[in-house]
PDB file of all heavy atoms in Angstrom:
ATOM      1  N   THR A   1     133.759 129.853  74.896  1.00  0.00           N
ATOM      2  CA  THR A   1     135.170 129.725  74.639  1.00  0.00           C
ATOM      3  C   THR A   1     135.837 128.608  75.399  1.00  0.00           C
ATOM      4  O   THR A   1     135.170 128.106  76.389  1.00  0.00           O
ATOM      5  CB  THR A   1     135.920 131.036  75.032  1.00  0.00           C
ATOM      6  OG1 THR A   1     135.830 131.216  76.481  1.00  0.00           O
ATOM      7  CG2 THR A   1     135.294 132.273  74.327  1.00  0.00           C
ATOM      8  N   HIS A   2     137.011 128.132  75.060  1.00  0.00           N
ATOM      9  CA  HIS A   2     137.687 127.135  75.796  1.00  0.00           C
ATOM     10  C   HIS A   2     137.922 127.509  77.213  1.00  0.00           C
ATOM     11  O   HIS A   2     137.958 126.744  78.191  1.00  0.00           O
ATOM     12  CB  HIS A   2     139.057 126.757  75.168  1.00  0.00           C
ATOM     13  CG  HIS A   2     138.843 126.021  73.854  1.00  0.00           C
ATOM     14  ND1 HIS A   2     138.084 124.943  73.715  1.00  0.00           N
ATOM     15  CD2 HIS A   2     139.431 126.236  72.652  1.00  0.00           C
ATOM     16  CE1 HIS A   2     138.165 124.465  72.480  1.00  0.00           C
ATOM     17  NE2 HIS A   2     138.934 125.282  71.769  1.00  0.00           N
ATOM     18  N   GLU A   3     138.218 128.804  77.433  1.00  0.00           N
ATOM     19  CA  GLU A   3     138.557 129.349  78.764  1.00  0.00           C
ATOM     20  C   GLU A   3     137.399 129.407  79.716  1.00  0.00           C
ATOM     21  O   GLU A   3     137.518 129.211  80.948  1.00  0.00           O
ATOM     22  CB  GLU A   3     139.258 130.747  78.692  1.00  0.00           C
ATOM     23  CG  GLU A   3     140.619 130.728  77.982  1.00  0.00           C
ATOM     24  CD  GLU A   3     140.534 130.509  76.493  1.00  0.00           C
ATOM     25  OE1 GLU A   3     139.472 130.780  75.860  1.00  0.00           O
ATOM     26  OE2 GLU A   3     141.537 130.024  75.889  1.00  0.00           O
ATOM     27  N   ILE A   4     136.248 129.798  79.240  1.00  0.00           N
ATOM     28  CA  ILE A   4     135.063 129.936  80.098  1.00  0.00           C
ATOM     29  C   ILE A   4     133.922 129.177  79.526  1.00  0.00           C
ATOM     30  O   ILE A   4     133.254 129.563  78.628  1.00  0.00           O
ATOM     31  CB  ILE A   4     134.679 131.465  80.224  1.00  0.00           C
ATOM     32  CG1 ILE A   4     135.853 132.327  80.721  1.00  0.00           C
ATOM     33  CG2 ILE A   4     133.499 131.618  81.161  1.00  0.00           C
ATOM     34  CD1 ILE A   4     135.575 133.747  80.738  1.00  0.00           C
ATOM     35  N   ARG A   5     133.641 127.984  80.088  1.00  0.00           N
ATOM     36  CA  ARG A   5     132.489 127.171  79.754  1.00  0.00           C
ATOM     37  C   ARG A   5     132.154 126.188  80.872  1.00  0.00           C
ATOM     38  O   ARG A   5     132.948 126.060  81.816  1.00  0.00           O
ATOM     39  CB  ARG A   5     132.738 126.444  78.432  1.00  0.00           C
ATOM     40  CG  ARG A   5     133.894 125.415  78.386  1.00  0.00           C
ATOM     41  CD  ARG A   5     134.044 124.902  76.964  1.00  0.00           C
ATOM     42  NE  ARG A   5     132.751 124.558  76.395  1.00  0.00           N
ATOM     43  CZ  ARG A   5     132.621 124.437  75.022  1.00  0.00           C
ATOM     44  NH1 ARG A   5     133.582 124.687  74.240  1.00  0.00           N
ATOM     45  NH2 ARG A   5     131.391 124.115  74.602  1.00  0.00           N
ATOM     46  N   PHE A   6     131.026 125.582  80.785  1.00  0.00           N
ATOM     47  CA  PHE A   6     130.651 124.665  81.887  1.00  0.00           C
ATOM     48  C   PHE A   6     131.566 123.461  81.985  1.00  0.00           C
ATOM     49  O   PHE A   6     131.725 122.854  83.009  1.00  0.00           O
ATOM     50  CB  PHE A   6     129.234 124.252  81.697  1.00  0.00           C
ATOM     51  CG  PHE A   6     128.220 125.354  81.804  1.00  0.00           C
ATOM     52  CD1 PHE A   6     127.578 125.861  80.638  1.00  0.00           C
ATOM     53  CD2 PHE A   6     127.957 125.901  83.002  1.00  0.00           C
ATOM     54  CE1 PHE A   6     126.703 126.899  80.775  1.00  0.00           C
ATOM     55  CE2 PHE A   6     127.033 126.976  83.153  1.00  0.00           C
ATOM     56  CZ  PHE A   6     126.395 127.441  82.010  1.00  0.00           C
ATOM     57  N   GLY A   7     132.170 123.048  80.879  1.00  0.00           N
ATOM     58  CA  GLY A   7     133.000 121.844  80.864  1.00  0.00           C
ATOM     59  C   GLY A   7     132.240 120.654  80.385  1.00  0.00           C
ATOM     60  O   GLY A   7     132.733 119.815  79.660  1.00  0.00           O
ATOM     61  N   ASP A   8     130.967 120.463  80.875  1.00  0.00           N
ATOM     62  CA  ASP A   8     130.150 119.383  80.454  1.00  0.00           C
ATOM     63  C   ASP A   8     128.752 119.706  80.817  1.00  0.00           C
ATOM     64  O   ASP A   8     128.453 120.520  81.753  1.00  0.00           O
ATOM     65  CB  ASP A   8     130.571 118.019  81.080  1.00  0.00           C
ATOM     66  CG  ASP A   8     130.482 118.086  82.592  1.00  0.00           C
ATOM     67  OD1 ASP A   8     129.371 117.952  83.102  1.00  0.00           O
ATOM     68  OD2 ASP A   8     131.494 118.256  83.200  1.00  0.00           O
ATOM     69  N   ASN A   9     127.763 119.123  80.164  1.00  0.00           N
ATOM     70  CA  ASN A   9     126.388 119.438  80.446  1.00  0.00           C
ATOM     71  C   ASN A   9     125.824 118.746  81.708  1.00  0.00           C
ATOM     72  O   ASN A   9     124.671 119.063  82.083  1.00  0.00           O
ATOM     73  CB  ASN A   9     125.461 119.167  79.182  1.00  0.00           C
ATOM     74  CG  ASN A   9     125.463 120.331  78.241  1.00  0.00           C
ATOM     75  OD1 ASN A   9     126.114 121.349  78.481  1.00  0.00           O
ATOM     76  ND2 ASN A   9     124.686 120.175  77.190  1.00  0.00           N
ATOM     77  N   ASP A  10     126.514 117.837  82.258  1.00  0.00           N
ATOM     78  CA  ASP A  10     126.137 117.288  83.572  1.00  0.00           C
ATOM     79  C   ASP A  10     126.120 118.409  84.603  1.00  0.00           C
ATOM     80  O   ASP A  10     125.209 118.652  85.403  1.00  0.00           O
ATOM     81  CB  ASP A  10     126.957 116.088  83.967  1.00  0.00           C
ATOM     82  CG  ASP A  10     126.849 114.869  83.041  1.00  0.00           C
ATOM     83  OD1 ASP A  10     125.690 114.564  82.761  1.00  0.00           O
ATOM     84  OD2 ASP A  10     127.861 114.300  82.633  1.00  0.00           O
ATOM     85  N   ARG A  11     127.300 119.142  84.588  1.00  0.00           N
ATOM     86  CA  ARG A  11     127.379 120.258  85.554  1.00  0.00           C
ATOM     87  C   ARG A  11     126.357 121.390  85.161  1.00  0.00           C
ATOM     88  O   ARG A  11     125.723 121.947  86.075  1.00  0.00           O
ATOM     89  CB  ARG A  11     128.813 120.853  85.468  1.00  0.00           C
ATOM     90  CG  ARG A  11     128.993 122.015  86.384  1.00  0.00           C
ATOM     91  CD  ARG A  11     130.438 122.540  86.468  1.00  0.00           C
ATOM     92  NE  ARG A  11     130.462 123.755  87.303  1.00  0.00           N
ATOM     93  CZ  ARG A  11     130.502 123.681  88.652  1.00  0.00           C
ATOM     94  NH1 ARG A  11     130.535 122.531  89.254  1.00  0.00           N
ATOM     95  NH2 ARG A  11     130.594 124.802  89.374  1.00  0.00           N
ATOM     96  N   LEU A  12     126.155 121.661  83.892  1.00  0.00           N
ATOM     97  CA  LEU A  12     125.083 122.601  83.558  1.00  0.00           C
ATOM     98  C   LEU A  12     123.770 122.173  84.097  1.00  0.00           C
ATOM     99  O   LEU A  12     123.049 123.022  84.584  1.00  0.00           O
ATOM    100  CB  LEU A  12     125.095 122.692  81.980  1.00  0.00           C
ATOM    101  CG  LEU A  12     123.828 123.490  81.433  1.00  0.00           C
ATOM    102  CD1 LEU A  12     123.877 124.937  82.009  1.00  0.00           C
ATOM    103  CD2 LEU A  12     123.911 123.489  79.875  1.00  0.00           C
ATOM    104  N   ALA A  13     123.445 120.878  84.026  1.00  0.00           N
ATOM    105  CA  ALA A  13     122.171 120.397  84.483  1.00  0.00           C
ATOM    106  C   ALA A  13     122.037 120.592  85.973  1.00  0.00           C
ATOM    107  O   ALA A  13     120.996 120.960  86.502  1.00  0.00           O
ATOM    108  CB  ALA A  13     121.982 118.939  84.124  1.00  0.00           C
ATOM    109  N   ALA A  14     123.138 120.363  86.694  1.00  0.00           N
ATOM    110  CA  ALA A  14     123.089 120.607  88.162  1.00  0.00           C
ATOM    111  C   ALA A  14     122.906 122.046  88.515  1.00  0.00           C
ATOM    112  O   ALA A  14     122.170 122.412  89.386  1.00  0.00           O
ATOM    113  CB  ALA A  14     124.414 120.091  88.769  1.00  0.00           C
ATOM    114  N   LEU A  15     123.525 122.912  87.698  1.00  0.00           N
ATOM    115  CA  LEU A  15     123.410 124.311  87.951  1.00  0.00           C
ATOM    116  C   LEU A  15     122.039 124.814  87.616  1.00  0.00           C
ATOM    117  O   LEU A  15     121.417 125.726  88.240  1.00  0.00           O
ATOM    118  CB  LEU A  15     124.456 125.103  87.183  1.00  0.00           C
ATOM    119  CG  LEU A  15     125.893 124.914  87.645  1.00  0.00           C
ATOM    120  CD1 LEU A  15     126.854 125.637  86.725  1.00  0.00           C
ATOM    121  CD2 LEU A  15     126.124 125.386  89.090  1.00  0.00           C
ATOM    122  N   VAL A  16     121.404 124.268  86.546  1.00  0.00           N
ATOM    123  CA  VAL A  16     120.054 124.614  86.192  1.00  0.00           C
ATOM    124  C   VAL A  16     119.117 124.119  87.240  1.00  0.00           C
ATOM    125  O   VAL A  16     118.099 124.793  87.586  1.00  0.00           O
ATOM    126  CB  VAL A  16     119.700 124.027  84.822  1.00  0.00           C
ATOM    127  CG1 VAL A  16     118.192 124.066  84.576  1.00  0.00           C
ATOM    128  CG2 VAL A  16     120.477 124.729  83.675  1.00  0.00           C
ATOM    129  N   SER A  17     119.395 122.937  87.848  1.00  0.00           N
ATOM    130  CA  SER A  17     118.561 122.482  88.896  1.00  0.00           C
ATOM    131  C   SER A  17     118.546 123.457  90.115  1.00  0.00           C
ATOM    132  O   SER A  17     117.537 123.738  90.726  1.00  0.00           O
ATOM    133  CB  SER A  17     119.056 121.105  89.417  1.00  0.00           C
ATOM    134  OG  SER A  17     118.930 120.157  88.380  1.00  0.00           O
ATOM    135  N   GLN A  18     119.707 124.013  90.391  1.00  0.00           N
ATOM    136  CA  GLN A  18     119.812 124.963  91.467  1.00  0.00           C
ATOM    137  C   GLN A  18     119.054 126.276  91.025  1.00  0.00           C
ATOM    138  O   GLN A  18     118.384 126.869  91.831  1.00  0.00           O
ATOM    139  CB  GLN A  18     121.261 125.342  91.735  1.00  0.00           C
ATOM    140  CG  GLN A  18     122.037 124.237  92.444  1.00  0.00           C
ATOM    141  CD  GLN A  18     123.462 124.666  92.746  1.00  0.00           C
ATOM    142  OE1 GLN A  18     124.042 125.436  92.010  1.00  0.00           O
ATOM    143  NE2 GLN A  18     123.970 124.130  93.869  1.00  0.00           N
ATOM    144  N   LEU A  19     119.220 126.637  89.824  1.00  0.00           N
ATOM    145  CA  LEU A  19     118.610 127.873  89.299  1.00  0.00           C
ATOM    146  C   LEU A  19     117.162 127.868  89.430  1.00  0.00           C
ATOM    147  O   LEU A  19     116.508 128.842  89.781  1.00  0.00           O
ATOM    148  CB  LEU A  19     119.032 128.113  87.861  1.00  0.00           C
ATOM    149  CG  LEU A  19     118.560 129.400  87.174  1.00  0.00           C
ATOM    150  CD1 LEU A  19     119.298 130.599  87.732  1.00  0.00           C
ATOM    151  CD2 LEU A  19     118.721 129.241  85.650  1.00  0.00           C
ATOM    152  N   VAL A  20     116.487 126.729  89.076  1.00  0.00           N
ATOM    153  CA  VAL A  20     114.984 126.660  89.018  1.00  0.00           C
ATOM    154  C   VAL A  20     114.453 126.017  90.235  1.00  0.00           C
ATOM    155  O   VAL A  20     113.224 125.864  90.393  1.00  0.00           O
ATOM    156  CB  VAL A  20     114.543 125.884  87.791  1.00  0.00           C
ATOM    157  CG1 VAL A  20     115.060 126.556  86.499  1.00  0.00           C
ATOM    158  CG2 VAL A  20     114.984 124.435  87.828  1.00  0.00           C
ATOM    159  N   GLY A  21     115.273 125.611  91.253  1.00  0.00           N
ATOM    160  CA  GLY A  21     114.778 124.969  92.465  1.00  0.00           C
ATOM    161  C   GLY A  21     114.142 123.619  92.175  1.00  0.00           C
ATOM    162  O   GLY A  21     113.032 123.331  92.698  1.00  0.00           O
ATOM    163  N   ALA A  22     114.782 122.799  91.346  1.00  0.00           N
ATOM    164  CA  ALA A  22     114.246 121.510  90.959  1.00  0.00           C
ATOM    165  C   ALA A  22     114.183 120.568  92.129  1.00  0.00           C
ATOM    166  O   ALA A  22     115.052 120.539  93.011  1.00  0.00           O
ATOM    167  CB  ALA A  22     115.029 120.875  89.855  1.00  0.00           C
ATOM    168  N   ASP A  23     113.188 119.742  92.176  1.00  0.00           N
ATOM    169  CA  ASP A  23     112.971 118.699  93.155  1.00  0.00           C
ATOM    170  C   ASP A  23     113.846 117.458  92.850  1.00  0.00           C
ATOM    171  O   ASP A  23     114.329 116.715  93.745  1.00  0.00           O
ATOM    172  CB  ASP A  23     111.554 118.263  93.293  1.00  0.00           C
ATOM    173  CG  ASP A  23     110.625 119.479  93.596  1.00  0.00           C
ATOM    174  OD1 ASP A  23     110.997 120.296  94.463  1.00  0.00           O
ATOM    175  OD2 ASP A  23     109.636 119.563  92.887  1.00  0.00           O
ATOM    176  N   ALA A  24     114.024 117.231  91.521  1.00  0.00           N
ATOM    177  CA  ALA A  24     114.819 116.026  91.095  1.00  0.00           C
ATOM    178  C   ALA A  24     115.523 116.306  89.812  1.00  0.00           C
ATOM    179  O   ALA A  24     115.112 117.187  89.036  1.00  0.00           O
ATOM    180  CB  ALA A  24     113.884 114.826  90.925  1.00  0.00           C
ATOM    181  N   LEU A  25     116.689 115.605  89.719  1.00  0.00           N
ATOM    182  CA  LEU A  25     117.503 115.759  88.464  1.00  0.00           C
ATOM    183  C   LEU A  25     117.779 114.312  87.954  1.00  0.00           C
ATOM    184  O   LEU A  25     118.190 113.504  88.788  1.00  0.00           O
ATOM    185  CB  LEU A  25     118.798 116.453  88.790  1.00  0.00           C
ATOM    186  CG  LEU A  25     119.972 116.334  87.752  1.00  0.00           C
ATOM    187  CD1 LEU A  25     119.482 117.002  86.453  1.00  0.00           C
ATOM    188  CD2 LEU A  25     121.240 116.993  88.278  1.00  0.00           C
ATOM    189  N   VAL A  26     117.466 114.085  86.737  1.00  0.00           N
ATOM    190  CA  VAL A  26     117.697 112.744  86.087  1.00  0.00           C
ATOM    191  C   VAL A  26     118.767 112.908  85.125  1.00  0.00           C
ATOM    192  O   VAL A  26     118.574 113.605  84.047  1.00  0.00           O
ATOM    193  CB  VAL A  26     116.392 112.153  85.517  1.00  0.00           C
ATOM    194  CG1 VAL A  26     116.701 110.803  84.893  1.00  0.00           C
ATOM    195  CG2 VAL A  26     115.310 112.055  86.499  1.00  0.00           C
ATOM    196  N   LEU A  27     119.844 112.253  85.366  1.00  0.00           N
ATOM    197  CA  LEU A  27     121.111 112.339  84.398  1.00  0.00           C
ATOM    198  C   LEU A  27     121.070 111.063  83.571  1.00  0.00           C
ATOM    199  O   LEU A  27     121.268 109.953  84.072  1.00  0.00           O
ATOM    200  CB  LEU A  27     122.337 112.503  85.195  1.00  0.00           C
ATOM    201  CG  LEU A  27     122.567 113.729  85.993  1.00  0.00           C
ATOM    202  CD1 LEU A  27     123.814 113.608  86.884  1.00  0.00           C
ATOM    203  CD2 LEU A  27     122.648 114.985  85.131  1.00  0.00           C
ATOM    204  N   LEU A  28     120.918 111.214  82.233  1.00  0.00           N
ATOM    205  CA  LEU A  28     120.820 110.103  81.338  1.00  0.00           C
ATOM    206  C   LEU A  28     122.113 109.881  80.570  1.00  0.00           C
ATOM    207  O   LEU A  28     122.785 110.862  80.209  1.00  0.00           O
ATOM    208  CB  LEU A  28     119.665 110.294  80.388  1.00  0.00           C
ATOM    209  CG  LEU A  28     118.313 110.500  80.952  1.00  0.00           C
ATOM    210  CD1 LEU A  28     117.272 110.858  79.922  1.00  0.00           C
ATOM    211  CD2 LEU A  28     117.852 109.266  81.777  1.00  0.00           C
ATOM    212  N   SER A  29     122.449 108.651  80.300  1.00  0.00           N
ATOM    213  CA  SER A  29     123.633 108.300  79.504  1.00  0.00           C
ATOM    214  C   SER A  29     123.359 106.995  78.724  1.00  0.00           C
ATOM    215  O   SER A  29     122.221 106.610  78.612  1.00  0.00           O
ATOM    216  CB  SER A  29     124.915 108.212  80.417  1.00  0.00           C
ATOM    217  OG  SER A  29     124.776 107.000  81.150  1.00  0.00           O
ATOM    218  N   ASP A  30     124.426 106.340  78.352  1.00  0.00           N
ATOM    219  CA  ASP A  30     124.303 105.082  77.693  1.00  0.00           C
ATOM    220  C   ASP A  30     124.369 103.865  78.572  1.00  0.00           C
ATOM    221  O   ASP A  30     124.237 102.714  78.171  1.00  0.00           O
ATOM    222  CB  ASP A  30     125.410 104.891  76.626  1.00  0.00           C
ATOM    223  CG  ASP A  30     125.380 105.992  75.571  1.00  0.00           C
ATOM    224  OD1 ASP A  30     124.329 106.534  75.284  1.00  0.00           O
ATOM    225  OD2 ASP A  30     126.481 106.443  75.083  1.00  0.00           O
ATOM    226  N   VAL A  31     124.562 104.096  79.928  1.00  0.00           N
ATOM    227  CA  VAL A  31     124.727 102.992  80.882  1.00  0.00           C
ATOM    228  C   VAL A  31     123.587 103.101  81.869  1.00  0.00           C
ATOM    229  O   VAL A  31     123.133 104.202  82.241  1.00  0.00           O
ATOM    230  CB  VAL A  31     126.031 103.170  81.622  1.00  0.00           C
ATOM    231  CG1 VAL A  31     126.276 102.048  82.596  1.00  0.00           C
ATOM    232  CG2 VAL A  31     127.192 103.206  80.629  1.00  0.00           C
ATOM    233  N   ASP A  32     123.062 101.960  82.333  1.00  0.00           N
ATOM    234  CA  ASP A  32     121.869 101.927  83.127  1.00  0.00           C
ATOM    235  C   ASP A  32     122.053 102.444  84.539  1.00  0.00           C
ATOM    236  O   ASP A  32     121.098 102.761  85.234  1.00  0.00           O
ATOM    237  CB  ASP A  32     121.316 100.472  83.225  1.00  0.00           C
ATOM    238  CG  ASP A  32     122.223  99.518  83.910  1.00  0.00           C
ATOM    239  OD1 ASP A  32     123.451  99.679  83.900  1.00  0.00           O
ATOM    240  OD2 ASP A  32     121.728  98.634  84.618  1.00  0.00           O
ATOM    241  N   ALA A  33     123.256 102.572  85.025  1.00  0.00           N
ATOM    242  CA  ALA A  33     123.545 103.019  86.426  1.00  0.00           C
ATOM    243  C   ALA A  33     125.028 103.236  86.559  1.00  0.00           C
ATOM    244  O   ALA A  33     125.821 103.021  85.588  1.00  0.00           O
ATOM    245  CB  ALA A  33     123.069 101.988  87.442  1.00  0.00           C
ATOM    246  N   LEU A  34     125.438 103.687  87.692  1.00  0.00           N
ATOM    247  CA  LEU A  34     126.865 103.788  88.025  1.00  0.00           C
ATOM    248  C   LEU A  34     127.356 102.468  88.537  1.00  0.00           C
ATOM    249  O   LEU A  34     126.582 101.714  89.210  1.00  0.00           O
ATOM    250  CB  LEU A  34     127.152 104.892  89.029  1.00  0.00           C
ATOM    251  CG  LEU A  34     126.819 106.307  88.635  1.00  0.00           C
ATOM    252  CD1 LEU A  34     126.993 107.245  89.796  1.00  0.00           C
ATOM    253  CD2 LEU A  34     127.668 106.782  87.464  1.00  0.00           C
ATOM    254  N   TYR A  35     128.583 102.139  88.266  1.00  0.00           N
ATOM    255  CA  TYR A  35     129.184 100.872  88.766  1.00  0.00           C
ATOM    256  C   TYR A  35     130.466 101.184  89.565  1.00  0.00           C
ATOM    257  O   TYR A  35     131.087 102.231  89.383  1.00  0.00           O
ATOM    258  CB  TYR A  35     129.423  99.903  87.579  1.00  0.00           C
ATOM    259  CG  TYR A  35     128.175  99.290  86.948  1.00  0.00           C
ATOM    260  CD1 TYR A  35     127.396 100.014  86.153  1.00  0.00           C
ATOM    261  CD2 TYR A  35     127.841  98.022  87.284  1.00  0.00           C
ATOM    262  CE1 TYR A  35     126.209  99.497  85.638  1.00  0.00           C
ATOM    263  CE2 TYR A  35     126.674  97.440  86.830  1.00  0.00           C
ATOM    264  CZ  TYR A  35     125.813  98.207  85.998  1.00  0.00           C
ATOM    265  OH  TYR A  35     124.643  97.647  85.499  1.00  0.00           O
ATOM    266  N   THR A  36     130.966 100.195  90.239  1.00  0.00           N
ATOM    267  CA  THR A  36     132.142 100.346  91.064  1.00  0.00           C
ATOM    268  C   THR A  36     133.412 100.436  90.247  1.00  0.00           C
ATOM    269  O   THR A  36     134.492 100.899  90.734  1.00  0.00           O
ATOM    270  CB  THR A  36     132.282  99.195  92.077  1.00  0.00           C
ATOM    271  OG1 THR A  36     132.230  97.908  91.326  1.00  0.00           O
ATOM    272  CG2 THR A  36     131.232  99.215  93.103  1.00  0.00           C
ATOM    273  N   ARG A  37     133.280 100.079  88.920  1.00  0.00           N
ATOM    274  CA  ARG A  37     134.332 100.194  87.989  1.00  0.00           C
ATOM    275  C   ARG A  37     133.647 100.243  86.591  1.00  0.00           C
ATOM    276  O   ARG A  37     132.418  99.903  86.493  1.00  0.00           O
ATOM    277  CB  ARG A  37     135.400  99.139  88.048  1.00  0.00           C
ATOM    278  CG  ARG A  37     134.914  97.709  87.836  1.00  0.00           C
ATOM    279  CD  ARG A  37     136.014  96.655  87.969  1.00  0.00           C
ATOM    280  NE  ARG A  37     136.568  96.624  89.301  1.00  0.00           N
ATOM    281  CZ  ARG A  37     137.657  95.943  89.645  1.00  0.00           C
ATOM    282  NH1 ARG A  37     138.262  95.171  88.695  1.00  0.00           N
ATOM    283  NH2 ARG A  37     138.138  95.955  90.887  1.00  0.00           N
ATOM    284  N   PRO A  38     134.337 100.566  85.544  1.00  0.00           N
ATOM    285  CA  PRO A  38     133.710 100.547  84.227  1.00  0.00           C
ATOM    286  C   PRO A  38     132.911  99.223  84.025  1.00  0.00           C
ATOM    287  O   PRO A  38     133.449  98.143  84.292  1.00  0.00           O
ATOM    288  CB  PRO A  38     134.870 100.664  83.242  1.00  0.00           C
ATOM    289  CG  PRO A  38     135.854 101.521  84.001  1.00  0.00           C
ATOM    290  CD  PRO A  38     135.764 101.093  85.403  1.00  0.00           C
ATOM    291  N   PRO A  39     131.628  99.353  83.636  1.00  0.00           N
ATOM    292  CA  PRO A  39     130.715  98.129  83.675  1.00  0.00           C
ATOM    293  C   PRO A  39     131.165  96.969  82.792  1.00  0.00           C
ATOM    294  O   PRO A  39     130.779  95.851  83.053  1.00  0.00           O
ATOM    295  CB  PRO A  39     129.353  98.729  83.227  1.00  0.00           C
ATOM    296  CG  PRO A  39     129.732  99.968  82.594  1.00  0.00           C
ATOM    297  CD  PRO A  39     130.847 100.543  83.255  1.00  0.00           C
ATOM    298  N   GLN A  40     132.003  97.265  81.790  1.00  0.00           N
ATOM    299  CA  GLN A  40     132.510  96.215  80.909  1.00  0.00           C
ATOM    300  C   GLN A  40     133.657  95.394  81.594  1.00  0.00           C
ATOM    301  O   GLN A  40     134.003  94.342  81.016  1.00  0.00           O
ATOM    302  CB  GLN A  40     132.938  96.739  79.575  1.00  0.00           C
ATOM    303  CG  GLN A  40     134.189  97.561  79.591  1.00  0.00           C
ATOM    304  CD  GLN A  40     133.992  99.036  79.938  1.00  0.00           C
ATOM    305  OE1 GLN A  40     132.921  99.415  80.402  1.00  0.00           O
ATOM    306  NE2 GLN A  40     134.992  99.875  79.709  1.00  0.00           N
TER     307      GLN A  40
END
């Protein structure tokens, strides 16, 4: 529902990492890395 949800799957992935005791989490998107401002 709109009222109760993760909000985005990045957060879900972090929570799953905690749930399963993951050693590493790889977050994929359309951009090769984070930048100090929007890369464009």
